[in-house]
Protein backbone atom coordinates (compact mmCIF):
# COMPACT_ATOMS: atom_id res chain seq x y z
CA UNK A 1 -182.76 -15.61 -79.70
CA UNK A 2 -182.70 -18.85 -81.75
CA UNK A 3 -181.18 -19.26 -85.20
CA UNK A 4 -184.67 -19.85 -86.64
CA UNK A 5 -185.85 -16.51 -85.34
CA UNK A 6 -182.94 -14.72 -86.97
CA UNK A 7 -183.22 -16.45 -90.39
CA UNK A 8 -186.18 -14.49 -91.86
CA UNK A 9 -184.47 -11.20 -91.06
CA UNK A 10 -181.30 -12.36 -92.81
CA UNK A 11 -183.25 -13.45 -95.88
CA UNK A 12 -185.04 -10.10 -95.99
CA UNK A 13 -181.72 -8.25 -95.62
CA UNK A 14 -180.24 -10.28 -98.48
CA UNK A 15 -183.23 -9.48 -100.68
CA UNK A 16 -182.77 -5.78 -99.98
CA UNK A 17 -179.11 -6.00 -100.91
CA UNK A 18 -179.65 -7.47 -104.36
CA UNK A 19 -182.72 -5.26 -104.97
CA UNK A 20 -180.55 -2.19 -104.27
CA UNK A 21 -177.77 -3.56 -106.45
CA UNK A 22 -180.16 -4.07 -109.34
CA UNK A 23 -181.69 -0.63 -108.86
CA UNK A 24 -178.25 0.97 -108.91
CA UNK A 25 -177.29 -1.06 -111.97
CA UNK A 26 -180.37 0.15 -113.85
CA UNK A 27 -179.62 3.76 -112.90
CA UNK A 28 -176.04 3.33 -114.08
CA UNK A 29 -177.23 1.80 -117.36
CA UNK A 30 -179.56 4.75 -117.98
CA UNK A 31 -176.63 7.07 -117.28
CA UNK A 32 -174.56 5.21 -119.84
CA UNK A 33 -177.28 5.57 -122.48
CA UNK A 34 -177.51 9.31 -121.79
CA UNK A 35 -173.74 9.64 -122.12
CA UNK A 36 -173.85 7.82 -125.46
CA UNK A 37 -176.49 10.18 -126.77
CA UNK A 38 -174.46 13.15 -125.55
CA UNK A 39 -171.46 11.84 -127.49
CA UNK A 40 -169.43 11.13 -124.32
CA UNK A 41 -167.98 7.71 -125.14
CA UNK A 42 -165.62 7.67 -122.16
CA UNK A 43 -168.31 8.21 -119.53
CA UNK A 44 -170.60 5.74 -121.30
CA UNK A 45 -167.97 3.02 -121.15
CA UNK A 46 -167.33 3.71 -117.47
CA UNK A 47 -171.07 3.49 -116.72
CA UNK A 48 -171.49 0.21 -118.62
CA UNK A 49 -168.45 -1.27 -116.90
CA UNK A 50 -170.12 -0.45 -113.59
CA UNK A 51 -173.36 -2.12 -114.72
CA UNK A 52 -171.45 -5.26 -115.71
CA UNK A 53 -169.80 -5.46 -112.29
CA UNK A 54 -173.08 -4.94 -110.39
CA UNK A 55 -175.02 -7.43 -112.51
CA UNK A 56 -172.22 -9.98 -112.11
CA UNK A 57 -172.48 -9.60 -108.33
CA UNK A 58 -176.22 -10.37 -108.43
CA UNK A 59 -175.65 -13.41 -110.66
CA UNK A 60 -172.90 -14.77 -108.42
CA UNK A 61 -174.53 -14.23 -105.04
CA UNK A 62 -178.25 -14.37 -105.84
CA UNK A 63 -178.51 -16.67 -108.87
CA UNK A 64 -181.87 -18.01 -107.65
CA UNK A 65 -183.46 -14.59 -107.11
CA UNK A 66 -186.25 -13.17 -109.22
CA UNK A 67 -183.84 -10.49 -110.44
CA UNK A 68 -181.28 -12.90 -111.90
CA UNK A 69 -182.76 -12.90 -115.42
CA UNK A 70 -182.95 -9.08 -115.45
CA UNK A 71 -179.34 -8.92 -114.25
CA UNK A 72 -178.21 -11.22 -117.07
CA UNK A 73 -180.02 -9.14 -119.71
CA UNK A 74 -178.64 -5.87 -118.32
CA UNK A 75 -175.16 -7.33 -118.27
CA UNK A 76 -175.54 -8.50 -121.88
CA UNK A 77 -176.72 -5.10 -123.10
CA UNK A 78 -173.83 -3.34 -121.34
CA UNK A 79 -171.29 -5.77 -122.78
CA UNK A 80 -172.68 -5.13 -126.26
CA UNK A 81 -172.33 -1.37 -125.77
CA UNK A 82 -168.70 -1.87 -124.70
CA UNK A 83 -168.08 -4.23 -127.65
CA UNK A 84 -167.29 -7.23 -125.44
CA UNK A 85 -168.76 -9.59 -128.01
CA UNK A 86 -167.70 -12.95 -126.56
CA UNK A 87 -168.76 -12.02 -123.04
CA UNK A 88 -172.07 -10.66 -124.36
CA UNK A 89 -172.75 -13.90 -126.23
CA UNK A 90 -172.16 -15.99 -123.08
CA UNK A 91 -174.28 -13.62 -120.96
CA UNK A 92 -177.11 -13.79 -123.50
CA UNK A 93 -177.12 -17.61 -123.30
CA UNK A 94 -177.35 -17.37 -119.50
CA UNK A 95 -180.15 -14.77 -119.79
CA UNK A 96 -182.12 -17.16 -121.98
CA UNK A 97 -181.66 -19.97 -119.46
CA UNK A 98 -182.77 -17.77 -116.56
CA UNK A 99 -185.70 -16.14 -118.42
CA UNK A 100 -189.02 -16.52 -116.64
CA UNK A 101 -191.11 -16.22 -119.81
CA UNK A 102 -190.94 -16.51 -123.58
CA UNK A 103 -190.45 -12.78 -124.09
CA UNK A 104 -187.26 -12.87 -122.04
CA UNK A 105 -185.96 -15.77 -124.14
CA UNK A 106 -186.66 -13.89 -127.35
CA UNK A 107 -184.87 -10.74 -126.15
CA UNK A 108 -181.91 -12.91 -125.09
CA UNK A 109 -181.88 -14.47 -128.57
CA UNK A 110 -181.82 -11.06 -130.20
CA UNK A 111 -178.96 -9.85 -128.03
CA UNK A 112 -177.02 -13.02 -128.71
CA UNK A 113 -177.67 -12.49 -132.41
CA UNK A 114 -176.01 -9.05 -132.23
CA UNK A 115 -173.01 -10.54 -130.43
CA UNK A 116 -172.61 -13.43 -132.88
CA UNK A 117 -172.89 -11.05 -135.84
CA UNK A 118 -169.97 -9.06 -134.49
CA UNK A 119 -168.08 -12.32 -133.97
CA UNK A 120 -168.51 -13.06 -137.69
CA UNK A 121 -171.08 -15.86 -137.31
CA UNK A 122 -173.55 -14.55 -139.87
CA UNK A 123 -175.77 -17.61 -140.36
CA UNK A 124 -176.16 -18.13 -136.62
CA UNK A 125 -176.82 -14.40 -136.10
CA UNK A 126 -179.53 -14.40 -138.78
CA UNK A 127 -181.31 -17.32 -137.11
CA UNK A 128 -181.19 -15.78 -133.62
CA UNK A 129 -182.29 -12.33 -134.78
CA UNK A 130 -185.13 -13.77 -136.85
CA UNK A 131 -186.42 -15.64 -133.80
CA UNK A 132 -186.29 -12.43 -131.77
CA UNK A 133 -187.98 -10.27 -134.41
CA UNK A 134 -190.87 -12.72 -134.67
CA UNK A 135 -191.32 -12.82 -130.89
CA UNK A 136 -192.99 -10.57 -128.36
CA UNK A 137 -190.32 -7.91 -127.88
CA UNK A 138 -190.58 -4.15 -127.37
CA UNK A 139 -190.73 -1.79 -130.33
CA UNK A 140 -187.29 -0.40 -129.48
CA UNK A 141 -185.72 -3.86 -129.30
CA UNK A 142 -187.42 -4.92 -132.54
CA UNK A 143 -186.02 -1.86 -134.34
CA UNK A 144 -182.50 -2.65 -133.12
CA UNK A 145 -182.85 -6.35 -133.99
CA UNK A 146 -184.15 -5.51 -137.48
CA UNK A 147 -181.32 -3.06 -138.01
CA UNK A 148 -178.74 -5.70 -137.08
CA UNK A 149 -180.45 -8.40 -139.14
CA UNK A 150 -180.34 -6.02 -142.09
CA UNK A 151 -176.57 -5.70 -141.65
CA UNK A 152 -176.28 -9.49 -141.30
CA UNK A 153 -178.16 -10.01 -144.55
CA UNK A 154 -175.97 -7.48 -146.30
CA UNK A 155 -173.06 -9.68 -145.28
CA UNK A 156 -174.94 -12.76 -146.54
CA UNK A 157 -175.44 -11.08 -149.93
CA UNK A 158 -179.21 -10.79 -149.53
CA UNK A 159 -179.76 -7.12 -150.49
CA UNK A 160 -183.52 -7.40 -150.99
CA UNK A 161 -184.35 -8.70 -147.51
CA UNK A 162 -181.64 -6.49 -146.04
CA UNK A 163 -183.28 -3.41 -147.56
CA UNK A 164 -186.67 -4.43 -146.15
CA UNK A 165 -185.27 -4.81 -142.64
CA UNK A 166 -183.36 -1.54 -142.81
CA UNK A 167 -186.32 0.40 -144.19
CA UNK A 168 -188.55 -0.94 -141.43
CA UNK A 169 -185.97 -0.09 -138.78
CA UNK A 170 -185.54 3.42 -140.15
CA UNK A 171 -189.22 4.19 -139.47
CA UNK A 172 -188.75 3.67 -135.73
CA UNK A 173 -188.58 7.08 -134.07
CA UNK A 174 -186.82 5.96 -130.89
CA UNK A 175 -183.51 4.86 -132.40
CA UNK A 176 -180.51 6.56 -130.83
CA UNK A 177 -178.56 9.06 -132.91
CA UNK A 178 -175.59 6.70 -133.13
CA UNK A 179 -177.69 3.78 -134.41
CA UNK A 180 -179.46 6.11 -136.83
CA UNK A 181 -176.12 7.22 -138.24
CA UNK A 182 -174.99 3.62 -138.66
CA UNK A 183 -178.32 2.83 -140.26
CA UNK A 184 -177.81 5.61 -142.81
CA UNK A 185 -174.48 4.13 -143.89
CA UNK A 186 -175.98 0.63 -144.19
CA UNK A 187 -178.88 1.96 -146.29
CA UNK A 188 -176.48 3.81 -148.58
CA UNK A 189 -174.56 0.59 -149.23
CA UNK A 190 -177.66 -0.95 -150.81
CA UNK A 191 -178.57 2.16 -152.77
CA UNK A 192 -181.35 3.31 -150.43
CA UNK A 193 -180.02 6.85 -150.45
CA UNK A 194 -183.41 8.48 -149.83
CA UNK A 195 -183.96 6.37 -146.72
CA UNK A 196 -180.41 7.04 -145.62
CA UNK A 197 -180.85 10.78 -145.95
CA UNK A 198 -184.20 10.64 -144.13
CA UNK A 199 -182.57 8.76 -141.26
CA UNK A 200 -179.56 11.03 -141.06
CA UNK A 201 -181.45 14.30 -141.48
CA UNK A 202 -182.88 13.87 -138.01
CA UNK A 203 -179.35 14.63 -136.79
CA UNK A 204 -178.24 17.48 -139.07
CA UNK A 205 -181.05 18.47 -141.46
CA UNK A 206 -179.57 21.66 -142.86
CA UNK A 207 -176.22 20.05 -143.72
CA UNK A 208 -177.90 17.02 -145.30
CA UNK A 209 -180.29 19.17 -147.34
CA UNK A 210 -177.39 21.20 -148.76
CA UNK A 211 -175.40 18.10 -149.64
CA UNK A 212 -178.40 16.35 -151.15
CA UNK A 213 -179.22 19.38 -153.28
CA UNK A 214 -175.78 19.23 -154.85
CA UNK A 215 -175.94 15.46 -155.31
CA UNK A 216 -179.21 15.67 -157.23
CA UNK A 217 -177.73 18.11 -159.73
CA UNK A 218 -175.35 15.53 -161.16
CA UNK A 219 -175.00 11.76 -161.57
CA UNK A 220 -173.01 10.23 -158.72
CA UNK A 221 -171.90 6.76 -157.72
CA UNK A 222 -172.93 4.86 -154.61
CA UNK A 223 -169.41 5.25 -153.27
CA UNK A 224 -169.83 9.03 -153.47
CA UNK A 225 -173.06 8.81 -151.48
CA UNK A 226 -171.34 6.64 -148.92
CA UNK A 227 -168.48 9.14 -148.72
CA UNK A 228 -171.00 11.88 -148.01
CA UNK A 229 -172.53 9.93 -145.16
CA UNK A 230 -169.16 9.22 -143.57
CA UNK A 231 -168.30 12.90 -143.97
CA UNK A 232 -171.50 13.99 -142.24
CA UNK A 233 -170.91 11.49 -139.45
CA UNK A 234 -167.41 12.86 -138.95
CA UNK A 235 -168.58 16.46 -138.81
CA UNK A 236 -171.37 15.49 -136.43
CA UNK A 237 -168.86 13.83 -134.10
CA UNK A 238 -166.57 16.85 -134.27
CA UNK A 239 -169.41 19.08 -133.10
CA UNK A 240 -170.14 16.60 -130.29
CA UNK A 241 -166.52 16.77 -129.13
CA UNK A 242 -165.65 13.18 -130.11
CA UNK A 243 -162.44 14.00 -131.99
CA UNK A 244 -161.19 10.41 -132.15
CA UNK A 245 -164.44 9.13 -133.63
CA UNK A 246 -164.58 12.13 -135.96
CA UNK A 247 -161.19 11.32 -137.46
CA UNK A 248 -162.21 7.70 -138.04
CA UNK A 249 -165.32 8.80 -139.94
CA UNK A 250 -163.55 11.54 -141.93
CA UNK A 251 -160.80 9.14 -142.96
CA UNK A 252 -163.51 6.64 -143.98
CA UNK A 253 -165.06 9.30 -146.22
CA UNK A 254 -161.76 9.61 -148.07
CA UNK A 255 -161.39 5.84 -148.39
CA UNK A 256 -164.97 5.36 -149.64
CA UNK A 257 -164.52 7.69 -152.61
CA UNK A 258 -161.11 9.44 -152.80
CA UNK A 259 -162.07 11.53 -155.82
CA UNK A 260 -165.36 12.85 -154.47
CA UNK A 261 -165.87 16.37 -153.17
CA UNK A 262 -166.78 14.90 -149.79
CA UNK A 263 -163.36 13.28 -149.59
CA UNK A 264 -161.77 16.67 -150.20
CA UNK A 265 -163.82 18.33 -147.47
CA UNK A 266 -163.25 15.40 -145.11
CA UNK A 267 -159.49 15.67 -145.68
CA UNK A 268 -159.61 19.36 -144.84
CA UNK A 269 -161.45 18.95 -141.54
CA UNK A 270 -159.35 15.93 -140.57
CA UNK A 271 -156.15 17.86 -141.27
CA UNK A 272 -157.34 20.85 -139.25
CA UNK A 273 -158.21 18.56 -136.35
CA UNK A 274 -154.81 16.90 -136.47
CA UNK A 275 -153.07 20.27 -136.60
CA UNK A 276 -155.01 21.50 -133.58
CA UNK A 277 -154.10 18.34 -131.67
CA UNK A 278 -150.49 18.11 -132.89
CA UNK A 279 -147.94 17.75 -130.09
CA UNK A 280 -144.85 17.00 -132.18
CA UNK A 281 -143.40 18.21 -135.53
CA UNK A 282 -144.10 14.93 -137.35
CA UNK A 283 -147.83 15.20 -136.63
CA UNK A 284 -147.99 18.53 -138.43
CA UNK A 285 -145.91 17.22 -141.34
CA UNK A 286 -148.25 14.26 -141.82
CA UNK A 287 -151.13 16.59 -142.73
CA UNK A 288 -149.52 17.73 -146.00
CA UNK A 289 -151.08 14.97 -148.20
CA UNK A 290 -154.53 15.54 -146.69
CA UNK A 291 -154.27 19.28 -147.27
CA UNK A 292 -153.22 18.63 -150.86
CA UNK A 293 -156.40 16.61 -151.40
CA UNK A 294 -158.45 19.29 -149.63
CA UNK A 295 -157.37 21.93 -152.16
CA UNK A 296 -159.67 20.15 -154.65
CA UNK A 297 -162.78 21.01 -152.62
CA UNK A 298 -165.67 22.57 -154.50
CA UNK A 299 -166.21 24.97 -151.62
CA UNK A 300 -164.07 27.99 -152.35
CA UNK A 301 -163.51 28.89 -148.71
CA UNK A 302 -162.32 25.35 -147.94
CA UNK A 303 -160.05 25.12 -150.98
CA UNK A 304 -158.56 28.55 -150.25
CA UNK A 305 -157.79 27.79 -146.63
CA UNK A 306 -156.47 24.33 -147.56
CA UNK A 307 -154.00 25.92 -150.00
CA UNK A 308 -152.89 28.34 -147.31
CA UNK A 309 -152.42 25.56 -144.75
CA UNK A 310 -150.62 23.31 -147.24
CA UNK A 311 -148.24 26.16 -148.11
CA UNK A 312 -147.36 26.76 -144.47
CA UNK A 313 -147.17 23.07 -143.64
CA UNK A 314 -144.58 22.64 -146.40
CA UNK A 315 -142.66 25.68 -145.18
CA UNK A 316 -142.78 24.25 -141.69
CA UNK A 317 -141.27 21.01 -143.04
CA UNK A 318 -138.44 22.93 -144.71
CA UNK A 319 -137.64 24.76 -141.50
CA UNK A 320 -137.54 21.52 -139.53
CA UNK A 321 -135.38 19.90 -142.24
CA UNK A 322 -132.92 22.79 -141.97
CA UNK A 323 -132.69 22.25 -138.22
CA UNK A 324 -132.47 18.45 -138.54
CA UNK A 325 -129.61 18.75 -141.04
CA UNK A 326 -127.57 21.42 -139.21
CA UNK A 327 -128.53 21.02 -135.54
CA UNK A 328 -127.96 23.85 -133.08
CA UNK A 329 -126.25 25.98 -135.73
CA UNK A 330 -129.70 26.32 -137.32
CA UNK A 331 -131.55 26.98 -134.07
CA UNK A 332 -133.39 30.01 -135.46
CA UNK A 333 -135.14 27.72 -137.93
CA UNK A 334 -136.84 26.19 -134.87
CA UNK A 335 -137.89 29.63 -133.67
CA UNK A 336 -139.43 30.42 -137.04
CA UNK A 337 -141.10 26.99 -137.11
CA UNK A 338 -142.64 27.80 -133.72
CA UNK A 339 -144.12 31.00 -135.14
CA UNK A 340 -145.50 29.17 -138.16
CA UNK A 341 -146.98 26.44 -135.95
CA UNK A 342 -148.72 28.94 -133.71
CA UNK A 343 -149.96 31.64 -136.05
CA UNK A 344 -150.39 29.82 -139.37
CA UNK A 345 -151.06 26.16 -138.58
CA UNK A 346 -152.90 26.87 -135.31
CA UNK A 347 -151.05 24.10 -133.47
CA UNK A 348 -150.66 25.57 -129.96
CA UNK A 349 -149.02 22.57 -128.23
CA UNK A 350 -146.53 22.18 -131.08
CA UNK A 351 -145.73 25.91 -131.01
CA UNK A 352 -145.03 25.81 -127.27
CA UNK A 353 -142.78 22.78 -127.67
CA UNK A 354 -140.75 24.46 -130.40
CA UNK A 355 -140.32 27.67 -128.40
CA UNK A 356 -139.08 25.59 -125.46
CA UNK A 357 -136.72 23.65 -127.73
CA UNK A 358 -135.27 26.90 -129.08
CA UNK A 359 -134.60 28.09 -125.54
CA UNK A 360 -132.71 24.84 -124.90
CA UNK A 361 -130.67 25.29 -128.09
CA UNK A 362 -129.89 29.00 -127.77
CA UNK A 363 -130.46 30.23 -124.19
CA UNK A 364 -128.31 33.33 -124.74
CA UNK A 365 -129.76 34.21 -128.13
CA UNK A 366 -130.70 37.83 -128.83
CA UNK A 367 -134.15 36.42 -129.66
CA UNK A 368 -134.55 34.40 -126.45
CA UNK A 369 -137.13 36.89 -125.17
CA UNK A 370 -139.26 36.24 -128.25
CA UNK A 371 -139.23 32.52 -127.48
CA UNK A 372 -139.94 33.13 -123.79
CA UNK A 373 -142.98 35.21 -124.64
CA UNK A 374 -144.13 32.72 -127.26
CA UNK A 375 -143.90 29.74 -124.89
CA UNK A 376 -145.86 31.63 -122.22
CA UNK A 377 -148.55 32.55 -124.77
CA UNK A 378 -149.34 28.82 -125.09
CA UNK A 379 -148.98 27.92 -121.41
CA UNK A 380 -152.29 26.04 -121.37
CA UNK A 381 -151.06 23.54 -123.97
CA UNK A 382 -148.57 20.73 -123.47
CA UNK A 383 -146.30 19.31 -126.20
CA UNK A 384 -145.23 15.69 -126.42
CA UNK A 385 -142.36 14.18 -124.46
CA UNK A 386 -139.80 15.24 -127.10
CA UNK A 387 -139.28 18.40 -125.06
CA UNK A 388 -139.37 18.95 -121.30
CA UNK A 389 -142.40 20.87 -120.09
CA UNK A 390 -143.35 20.81 -116.41
CA UNK A 391 -146.34 23.08 -116.77
CA UNK A 392 -146.57 25.84 -114.19
CA UNK A 393 -143.05 25.18 -112.92
CA UNK A 394 -141.73 25.72 -116.44
CA UNK A 395 -143.85 28.86 -116.78
CA UNK A 396 -142.38 30.29 -113.57
CA UNK A 397 -138.86 29.68 -114.89
CA UNK A 398 -139.79 31.42 -118.14
CA UNK A 399 -141.20 34.42 -116.29
CA UNK A 400 -138.06 34.70 -114.16
CA UNK A 401 -135.92 34.65 -117.28
CA UNK A 402 -138.00 37.41 -118.82
CA UNK A 403 -137.60 39.56 -115.71
CA UNK A 404 -133.82 38.96 -115.76
CA UNK A 405 -133.34 40.28 -119.30
CA UNK A 406 -131.08 43.32 -119.79
CA UNK A 407 -132.93 46.61 -119.62
CA UNK A 408 -132.05 47.40 -123.25
CA UNK A 409 -133.40 44.13 -124.66
CA UNK A 410 -135.83 45.24 -127.41
CA UNK A 411 -138.35 42.54 -126.55
CA UNK A 412 -138.26 43.40 -122.85
CA UNK A 413 -138.79 47.06 -123.69
CA UNK A 414 -141.68 46.07 -125.90
CA UNK A 415 -143.27 44.09 -123.06
CA UNK A 416 -143.26 47.23 -120.91
CA UNK A 417 -146.31 48.42 -122.86
CA UNK A 418 -147.31 51.28 -125.13
CA UNK A 419 -146.86 53.91 -122.40
CA UNK A 420 -143.14 53.13 -122.23
CA UNK A 421 -142.47 52.89 -125.96
CA UNK A 422 -140.44 55.49 -127.79
CA UNK A 423 -139.28 55.81 -131.39
CA UNK A 424 -136.00 54.29 -130.23
CA UNK A 425 -137.61 51.18 -128.69
CA UNK A 426 -139.75 50.71 -131.79
CA UNK A 427 -136.68 50.99 -133.99
CA UNK A 428 -134.75 48.45 -131.92
CA UNK A 429 -137.69 46.04 -132.02
CA UNK A 430 -138.08 46.27 -135.80
CA UNK A 431 -134.32 45.87 -136.27
CA UNK A 432 -134.31 42.72 -134.11
CA UNK A 433 -137.14 41.26 -136.15
CA UNK A 434 -135.36 42.01 -139.42
CA UNK A 435 -132.13 40.51 -138.13
CA UNK A 436 -134.06 37.35 -137.28
CA UNK A 437 -135.57 37.18 -140.77
CA UNK A 438 -132.13 37.56 -142.33
CA UNK A 439 -130.73 34.88 -140.06
CA UNK A 440 -133.50 32.39 -140.97
CA UNK A 441 -133.11 33.11 -144.69
CA UNK A 442 -129.36 32.56 -144.40
CA UNK A 443 -129.89 29.21 -142.67
CA UNK A 444 -132.21 27.98 -145.36
CA UNK A 445 -130.01 29.32 -148.15
CA UNK A 446 -127.19 27.10 -146.87
CA UNK A 447 -129.54 24.17 -146.52
CA UNK A 448 -131.41 24.66 -149.80
CA UNK A 449 -130.91 27.76 -152.01
CA UNK A 450 -134.40 27.52 -153.50
CA UNK A 451 -135.99 27.02 -150.10
CA UNK A 452 -133.88 29.85 -148.75
CA UNK A 453 -135.25 32.29 -151.28
CA UNK A 454 -138.75 31.05 -150.47
CA UNK A 455 -138.16 31.44 -146.76
CA UNK A 456 -136.92 34.99 -147.26
CA UNK A 457 -140.02 35.80 -149.30
CA UNK A 458 -142.19 34.27 -146.59
CA UNK A 459 -140.64 36.21 -143.80
CA UNK A 460 -140.64 39.49 -145.70
CA UNK A 461 -144.23 38.98 -146.76
CA UNK A 462 -145.34 37.83 -143.34
CA UNK A 463 -143.30 40.43 -141.47
CA UNK A 464 -145.23 43.48 -140.27
CA UNK A 465 -144.25 46.85 -141.63
CA UNK A 466 -144.48 48.60 -138.28
CA UNK A 467 -143.64 47.81 -134.70
CA UNK A 468 -147.31 48.07 -133.75
CA UNK A 469 -148.28 45.37 -136.26
CA UNK A 470 -145.41 43.21 -135.05
CA UNK A 471 -146.93 43.14 -131.59
CA UNK A 472 -150.26 41.71 -132.72
CA UNK A 473 -151.08 39.14 -130.00
CA UNK A 474 -151.09 35.44 -130.72
CA UNK A 475 -154.36 33.76 -129.81
CA UNK A 476 -153.68 30.14 -128.92
CA UNK A 477 -156.03 27.74 -130.65
CA UNK A 478 -157.99 30.50 -132.40
CA UNK A 479 -160.44 29.19 -135.01
CA UNK A 480 -161.49 30.65 -138.32
CA UNK A 481 -165.19 31.02 -137.67
CA UNK A 482 -165.85 31.59 -141.36
CA UNK A 483 -165.12 27.91 -142.01
CA UNK A 484 -168.10 25.88 -140.71
């Protein structure tokens, strides 16, 4: 067969290759958008990275194909989603050059306008976005371009035209939740609180209605309104599972208006999140200032729980200071800190790490069994690298150590279950617990007499009156469902 006979087949095969690549890229892009709307930032970024790679392949190998302009636009959009502003700007220029009609050029201009805005080139961004808005683009693209031009004009100190753009964008029903949340914050900055609430209420209407009702009962500043919007964004992201983004928004609520009630509530939920995620002692200690601010919340249930958490966070600090100052001779302070971390602060990874540290410090302690049981209770959580934890291998070692305990160990007898308990085993268990409380109080009395008396009061108050109460199981990561 001649070369000429083979050529058409090769051309057709090449066309199929880049058609399939573009089809797969579009599917991946749609998957990325769905992940964004589900609050899964990690999967969205992975999907958009895949789109960028596929579109780049089409542009490199099939630059003259009819799909090249679509590939450039898809690449630009994905780079914008992944905040690759410089790459997106360059891709948008290429998309405009490859565009087969005026509409493609206008979309490319709008996308380049978004990129240049994020690169700080406000005048250039305003010009590009204005060209796009006035062109023949889809309703969804126009809404996004108007939204970004409104932000540009806020930066250019043009609040009137910015408000017009943002109001128009807010009426578009197809904006994503994330853009709608950003839009609400931008509207609040120019005093368009009603529009901001309308935009945001599509995400969490009941929460917004309750907040708005309280706002309308008293005069408030724009910074307070902005703090509310950041607070609602943070809570929304918490519910979506985006803990990193939630903390950014909750911290922003505090910064926007530190004296507002929304700052107090934001501090509370941020502190609780950080306690849940804490892997080392310093992470728990750093929540004390936030909890102090949270005690000023107008919501009684929040203020009450914040006071409780602040109290125990400070006690936790004192226990760790006693250990830091006296080392292994104050090992039982670590054991008590582990209990506080697990049952009071609800920091399961931190509690496990402290139980493991106590076992390193005092392997032959009469309370070793208590630490063994505590570490196993949080086996699904891993502390930071300040303590060795090899997961299941560590758990197996802990279980072997429990089985090897002397038969008369009060904690081992307790583990045997209710059927094997007698008045004697209960008495031994209670005595061991009281000895531990006395030991911890003595440690803190040497370290700090005032703290020592406080620690003794804590342990006596927190200590159960009966052996049955003492055995109340620890639920790792348990939440207080009464706090929304």
